[in-house]
Amino acid sequence: MATTKEYKDFVLEQLNLLDNITCKSMMRECLLYYNGILFGGIYDDRLLVKVVDNNKKYNMIESIPYERAKSMYLVDDIDNKELLKEIVIETCKGLSIKK
């Protein structure tokens, strides 16, 4: 199953509190970047973010985006724009620390 255009558009609308969000299509799914940092993606109509120490406090469920991929966190409360913004920022902070 691939991500629908409607779901992708909905997620991008929910992320509109953040400047510099970009979405790149890849094999019928979408990779999401914030300020040039790949923080997650939309896979099979699910928003997933990379697992880092900074975002463990949100108690998200781990999910596999596709076969043989690393586990990521499923963001299931995408209606809460403020929380979503916080999750993205904290995830990117954690990814910046890793580098």
N, C-alpha and C. Protein backbone atom coordinates (compact mmCIF):
# COMPACT_ATOMS: atom_id res chain seq x y z
N MET A 1 0.84 -1.18 0.00
CA MET A 1 0.00 0.00 0.00
C MET A 1 0.89 1.25 0.00
N ALA A 2 0.53 2.22 -0.76
CA ALA A 2 1.30 3.46 -0.83
C ALA A 2 0.54 4.57 -0.10
N THR A 3 1.25 5.63 0.18
CA THR A 3 0.65 6.79 0.83
C THR A 3 -0.23 7.53 -0.17
N THR A 4 -1.40 7.93 0.27
CA THR A 4 -2.30 8.68 -0.61
C THR A 4 -1.92 10.16 -0.62
N LYS A 5 -2.24 10.81 -1.70
CA LYS A 5 -1.98 12.25 -1.82
C LYS A 5 -2.74 13.00 -0.74
N GLU A 6 -3.95 12.58 -0.44
CA GLU A 6 -4.77 13.24 0.58
C GLU A 6 -4.11 13.19 1.95
N TYR A 7 -3.58 12.04 2.31
CA TYR A 7 -2.93 11.91 3.61
C TYR A 7 -1.65 12.74 3.66
N LYS A 8 -0.86 12.68 2.59
CA LYS A 8 0.36 13.49 2.52
C LYS A 8 0.03 14.97 2.68
N ASP A 9 -0.98 15.45 1.97
CA ASP A 9 -1.37 16.85 2.06
C ASP A 9 -1.84 17.20 3.47
N PHE A 10 -2.56 16.27 4.11
CA PHE A 10 -3.02 16.50 5.48
C PHE A 10 -1.84 16.63 6.45
N VAL A 11 -0.87 15.74 6.34
CA VAL A 11 0.30 15.79 7.21
C VAL A 11 1.06 17.10 7.00
N LEU A 12 1.26 17.48 5.76
CA LEU A 12 1.98 18.73 5.48
C LEU A 12 1.22 19.93 6.03
N GLU A 13 -0.09 19.90 5.99
CA GLU A 13 -0.89 20.98 6.57
C GLU A 13 -0.70 21.00 8.09
N GLN A 14 -0.64 19.85 8.71
CA GLN A 14 -0.45 19.78 10.16
C GLN A 14 0.95 20.27 10.57
N LEU A 15 1.89 20.20 9.66
CA LEU A 15 3.26 20.64 9.95
C LEU A 15 3.48 22.11 9.61
N ASN A 16 2.41 22.84 9.29
CA ASN A 16 2.57 24.22 8.82
C ASN A 16 3.02 25.21 9.90
N LEU A 17 3.12 24.79 11.16
CA LEU A 17 3.66 25.66 12.20
C LEU A 17 5.19 25.75 12.10
N LEU A 18 5.77 24.86 11.32
CA LEU A 18 7.22 24.83 11.14
C LEU A 18 7.59 25.37 9.76
N ASP A 19 8.54 26.29 9.73
CA ASP A 19 9.08 26.75 8.45
C ASP A 19 10.11 25.72 7.99
N ASN A 20 10.37 25.72 6.72
CA ASN A 20 11.44 24.89 6.14
C ASN A 20 11.17 23.39 6.21
N ILE A 21 9.91 22.99 6.12
CA ILE A 21 9.57 21.57 5.97
C ILE A 21 9.58 21.26 4.48
N THR A 22 10.29 20.22 4.11
CA THR A 22 10.26 19.78 2.72
C THR A 22 9.90 18.31 2.68
N CYS A 23 9.29 17.94 1.57
CA CYS A 23 8.81 16.57 1.38
C CYS A 23 9.35 16.08 0.04
N LYS A 24 10.01 14.95 0.05
CA LYS A 24 10.53 14.36 -1.18
C LYS A 24 9.91 12.99 -1.38
N SER A 25 9.35 12.79 -2.56
CA SER A 25 8.75 11.50 -2.88
C SER A 25 9.83 10.47 -3.15
N MET A 26 9.55 9.25 -2.64
CA MET A 26 10.47 8.15 -2.86
C MET A 26 9.67 6.86 -2.89
N MET A 27 9.60 6.23 -4.03
CA MET A 27 8.93 4.94 -4.19
C MET A 27 7.52 4.96 -3.59
N ARG A 28 6.72 5.92 -3.96
CA ARG A 28 5.31 6.07 -3.57
C ARG A 28 5.14 6.41 -2.08
N GLU A 29 6.22 6.78 -1.42
CA GLU A 29 6.18 7.24 -0.03
C GLU A 29 6.83 8.62 0.01
N CYS A 30 6.94 9.22 1.20
CA CYS A 30 7.46 10.59 1.30
C CYS A 30 8.47 10.69 2.43
N LEU A 31 9.61 11.30 2.13
CA LEU A 31 10.62 11.59 3.14
C LEU A 31 10.41 13.02 3.60
N LEU A 32 10.51 13.26 4.90
CA LEU A 32 10.27 14.58 5.46
C LEU A 32 11.55 15.16 6.06
N TYR A 33 11.79 16.42 5.75
CA TYR A 33 12.98 17.13 6.21
C TYR A 33 12.55 18.41 6.92
N TYR A 34 13.28 18.76 7.96
CA TYR A 34 13.11 20.04 8.64
C TYR A 34 14.46 20.71 8.69
N ASN A 35 14.57 21.88 8.09
CA ASN A 35 15.85 22.59 7.98
C ASN A 35 16.94 21.69 7.40
N GLY A 36 16.57 20.89 6.42
CA GLY A 36 17.52 20.02 5.74
C GLY A 36 17.84 18.72 6.46
N ILE A 37 17.24 18.48 7.61
CA ILE A 37 17.49 17.25 8.38
C ILE A 37 16.37 16.26 8.12
N LEU A 38 16.72 15.07 7.64
CA LEU A 38 15.74 14.01 7.43
C LEU A 38 15.30 13.49 8.79
N PHE A 39 14.06 13.78 9.17
CA PHE A 39 13.59 13.38 10.50
C PHE A 39 12.57 12.25 10.46
N GLY A 40 11.99 11.97 9.31
CA GLY A 40 10.99 10.93 9.24
C GLY A 40 10.37 10.85 7.86
N GLY A 41 9.18 10.28 7.83
CA GLY A 41 8.51 10.14 6.55
C GLY A 41 7.08 9.69 6.71
N ILE A 42 6.42 9.63 5.58
CA ILE A 42 5.04 9.16 5.52
C ILE A 42 5.07 7.84 4.77
N TYR A 43 4.69 6.77 5.45
CA TYR A 43 4.74 5.42 4.91
C TYR A 43 3.38 4.76 5.09
N ASP A 44 2.76 4.36 3.99
CA ASP A 44 1.46 3.68 4.05
C ASP A 44 0.47 4.46 4.91
N ASP A 45 0.37 5.76 4.64
CA ASP A 45 -0.54 6.65 5.37
C ASP A 45 -0.28 6.65 6.89
N ARG A 46 0.99 6.60 7.25
CA ARG A 46 1.41 6.71 8.66
C ARG A 46 2.57 7.68 8.73
N LEU A 47 2.53 8.58 9.70
CA LEU A 47 3.65 9.50 9.94
C LEU A 47 4.60 8.84 10.93
N LEU A 48 5.83 8.65 10.51
CA LEU A 48 6.86 8.03 11.34
C LEU A 48 8.04 8.97 11.47
N VAL A 49 8.65 8.99 12.67
CA VAL A 49 9.85 9.79 12.90
C VAL A 49 10.96 8.87 13.40
N LYS A 50 12.19 9.29 13.16
CA LYS A 50 13.34 8.50 13.59
C LYS A 50 13.38 8.43 15.12
N VAL A 51 13.92 7.36 15.62
CA VAL A 51 14.07 7.14 17.06
C VAL A 51 15.37 7.79 17.52
N VAL A 52 15.23 8.73 18.45
CA VAL A 52 16.39 9.37 19.09
C VAL A 52 16.07 9.53 20.58
N ASP A 53 17.09 9.75 21.37
CA ASP A 53 16.87 9.91 22.82
C ASP A 53 15.91 11.06 23.12
N ASN A 54 16.00 12.14 22.35
CA ASN A 54 15.19 13.33 22.62
C ASN A 54 13.68 13.10 22.49
N ASN A 55 13.27 12.15 21.64
CA ASN A 55 11.83 11.97 21.45
C ASN A 55 11.26 10.75 22.18
N LYS A 56 12.05 10.07 22.97
CA LYS A 56 11.55 8.91 23.72
C LYS A 56 10.52 9.33 24.77
N LYS A 57 10.60 10.57 25.24
CA LYS A 57 9.69 11.04 26.28
C LYS A 57 8.23 11.13 25.82
N TYR A 58 7.98 11.04 24.53
CA TYR A 58 6.62 11.12 24.01
C TYR A 58 5.91 9.77 23.99
N ASN A 59 6.63 8.71 24.39
CA ASN A 59 6.05 7.36 24.51
C ASN A 59 5.30 6.92 23.26
N MET A 60 5.92 7.12 22.11
CA MET A 60 5.31 6.69 20.86
C MET A 60 5.61 5.21 20.62
N ILE A 61 4.77 4.58 19.87
CA ILE A 61 4.91 3.16 19.55
C ILE A 61 5.90 3.00 18.40
N GLU A 62 6.76 2.01 18.50
CA GLU A 62 7.70 1.73 17.41
C GLU A 62 6.98 0.99 16.29
N SER A 63 7.37 1.31 15.06
CA SER A 63 6.76 0.71 13.88
C SER A 63 7.82 0.61 12.79
N ILE A 64 7.68 -0.36 11.94
CA ILE A 64 8.60 -0.56 10.83
C ILE A 64 8.00 0.10 9.59
N PRO A 65 8.71 1.03 8.95
CA PRO A 65 8.15 1.72 7.79
C PRO A 65 7.98 0.81 6.57
N TYR A 66 8.94 -0.09 6.36
CA TYR A 66 8.90 -1.03 5.25
C TYR A 66 9.84 -2.19 5.59
N GLU A 67 9.74 -3.26 4.85
CA GLU A 67 10.51 -4.46 5.12
C GLU A 67 12.01 -4.16 5.16
N ARG A 68 12.69 -4.70 6.15
CA ARG A 68 14.14 -4.58 6.38
C ARG A 68 14.58 -3.16 6.76
N ALA A 69 13.67 -2.34 7.23
CA ALA A 69 14.03 -0.99 7.66
C ALA A 69 14.18 -0.95 9.17
N LYS A 70 14.87 0.07 9.65
CA LYS A 70 14.99 0.28 11.09
C LYS A 70 13.64 0.72 11.64
N SER A 71 13.42 0.39 12.88
CA SER A 71 12.21 0.79 13.56
C SER A 71 12.16 2.30 13.74
N MET A 72 10.97 2.86 13.62
CA MET A 72 10.75 4.30 13.80
C MET A 72 9.58 4.47 14.75
N TYR A 73 9.35 5.70 15.19
CA TYR A 73 8.20 5.98 16.05
C TYR A 73 7.01 6.42 15.22
N LEU A 74 5.86 5.85 15.55
CA LEU A 74 4.59 6.21 14.91
C LEU A 74 4.00 7.41 15.64
N VAL A 75 3.76 8.50 14.91
CA VAL A 75 3.11 9.68 15.48
C VAL A 75 1.62 9.51 15.23
N ASP A 76 0.89 9.15 16.27
CA ASP A 76 -0.54 8.88 16.07
C ASP A 76 -1.43 10.06 16.40
N ASP A 77 -0.90 11.09 17.03
CA ASP A 77 -1.71 12.27 17.35
C ASP A 77 -1.29 13.44 16.46
N ILE A 78 -1.54 13.30 15.16
CA ILE A 78 -1.13 14.37 14.25
C ILE A 78 -2.14 15.51 14.20
N ASP A 79 -3.24 15.38 14.89
CA ASP A 79 -4.20 16.48 14.96
C ASP A 79 -3.72 17.60 15.88
N ASN A 80 -2.82 17.28 16.80
CA ASN A 80 -2.29 18.26 17.74
C ASN A 80 -1.05 18.91 17.13
N LYS A 81 -1.24 20.05 16.46
CA LYS A 81 -0.16 20.71 15.73
C LYS A 81 0.99 21.13 16.65
N GLU A 82 0.68 21.61 17.84
CA GLU A 82 1.74 22.04 18.77
C GLU A 82 2.61 20.86 19.20
N LEU A 83 1.97 19.75 19.53
CA LEU A 83 2.72 18.55 19.92
C LEU A 83 3.54 18.04 18.74
N LEU A 84 2.96 18.03 17.57
CA LEU A 84 3.66 17.58 16.38
C LEU A 84 4.90 18.44 16.12
N LYS A 85 4.74 19.74 16.25
CA LYS A 85 5.87 20.66 16.09
C LYS A 85 6.98 20.32 17.08
N GLU A 86 6.61 20.10 18.33
CA GLU A 86 7.57 19.78 19.38
C GLU A 86 8.30 18.47 19.07
N ILE A 87 7.56 17.47 18.63
CA ILE A 87 8.16 16.17 18.30
C ILE A 87 9.19 16.33 17.18
N VAL A 88 8.85 17.07 16.14
CA VAL A 88 9.77 17.27 15.01
C VAL A 88 11.03 18.01 15.47
N ILE A 89 10.86 19.07 16.24
CA ILE A 89 12.01 19.84 16.71
C ILE A 89 12.91 18.98 17.60
N GLU A 90 12.33 18.25 18.53
CA GLU A 90 13.12 17.40 19.42
C GLU A 90 13.81 16.28 18.66
N THR A 91 13.13 15.71 17.67
CA THR A 91 13.74 14.66 16.85
C THR A 91 14.95 15.21 16.10
N CYS A 92 14.81 16.37 15.51
CA CYS A 92 15.92 16.98 14.77
C CYS A 92 17.07 17.37 15.68
N LYS A 93 16.76 17.83 16.87
CA LYS A 93 17.83 18.13 17.84
C LYS A 93 18.62 16.85 18.14
N GLY A 94 17.91 15.78 18.35
CA GLY A 94 18.57 14.50 18.63
C GLY A 94 19.39 14.01 17.45
N LEU A 95 18.91 14.23 16.24
CA LEU A 95 19.66 13.82 15.05
C LEU A 95 20.90 14.69 14.87
N SER A 96 20.82 15.95 15.22
CA SER A 96 21.97 16.85 15.12
C SER A 96 23.07 16.44 16.09
N ILE A 97 22.66 15.97 17.27
CA ILE A 97 23.62 15.52 18.28
C ILE A 97 24.36 14.27 17.80
N LYS A 98 23.64 13.39 17.10
CA LYS A 98 24.24 12.15 16.61
C LYS A 98 25.37 12.41 15.63
N LYS A 99 25.24 13.48 14.84
CA LYS A 99 26.27 13.78 13.84
C LYS A 99 27.46 14.32 14.51
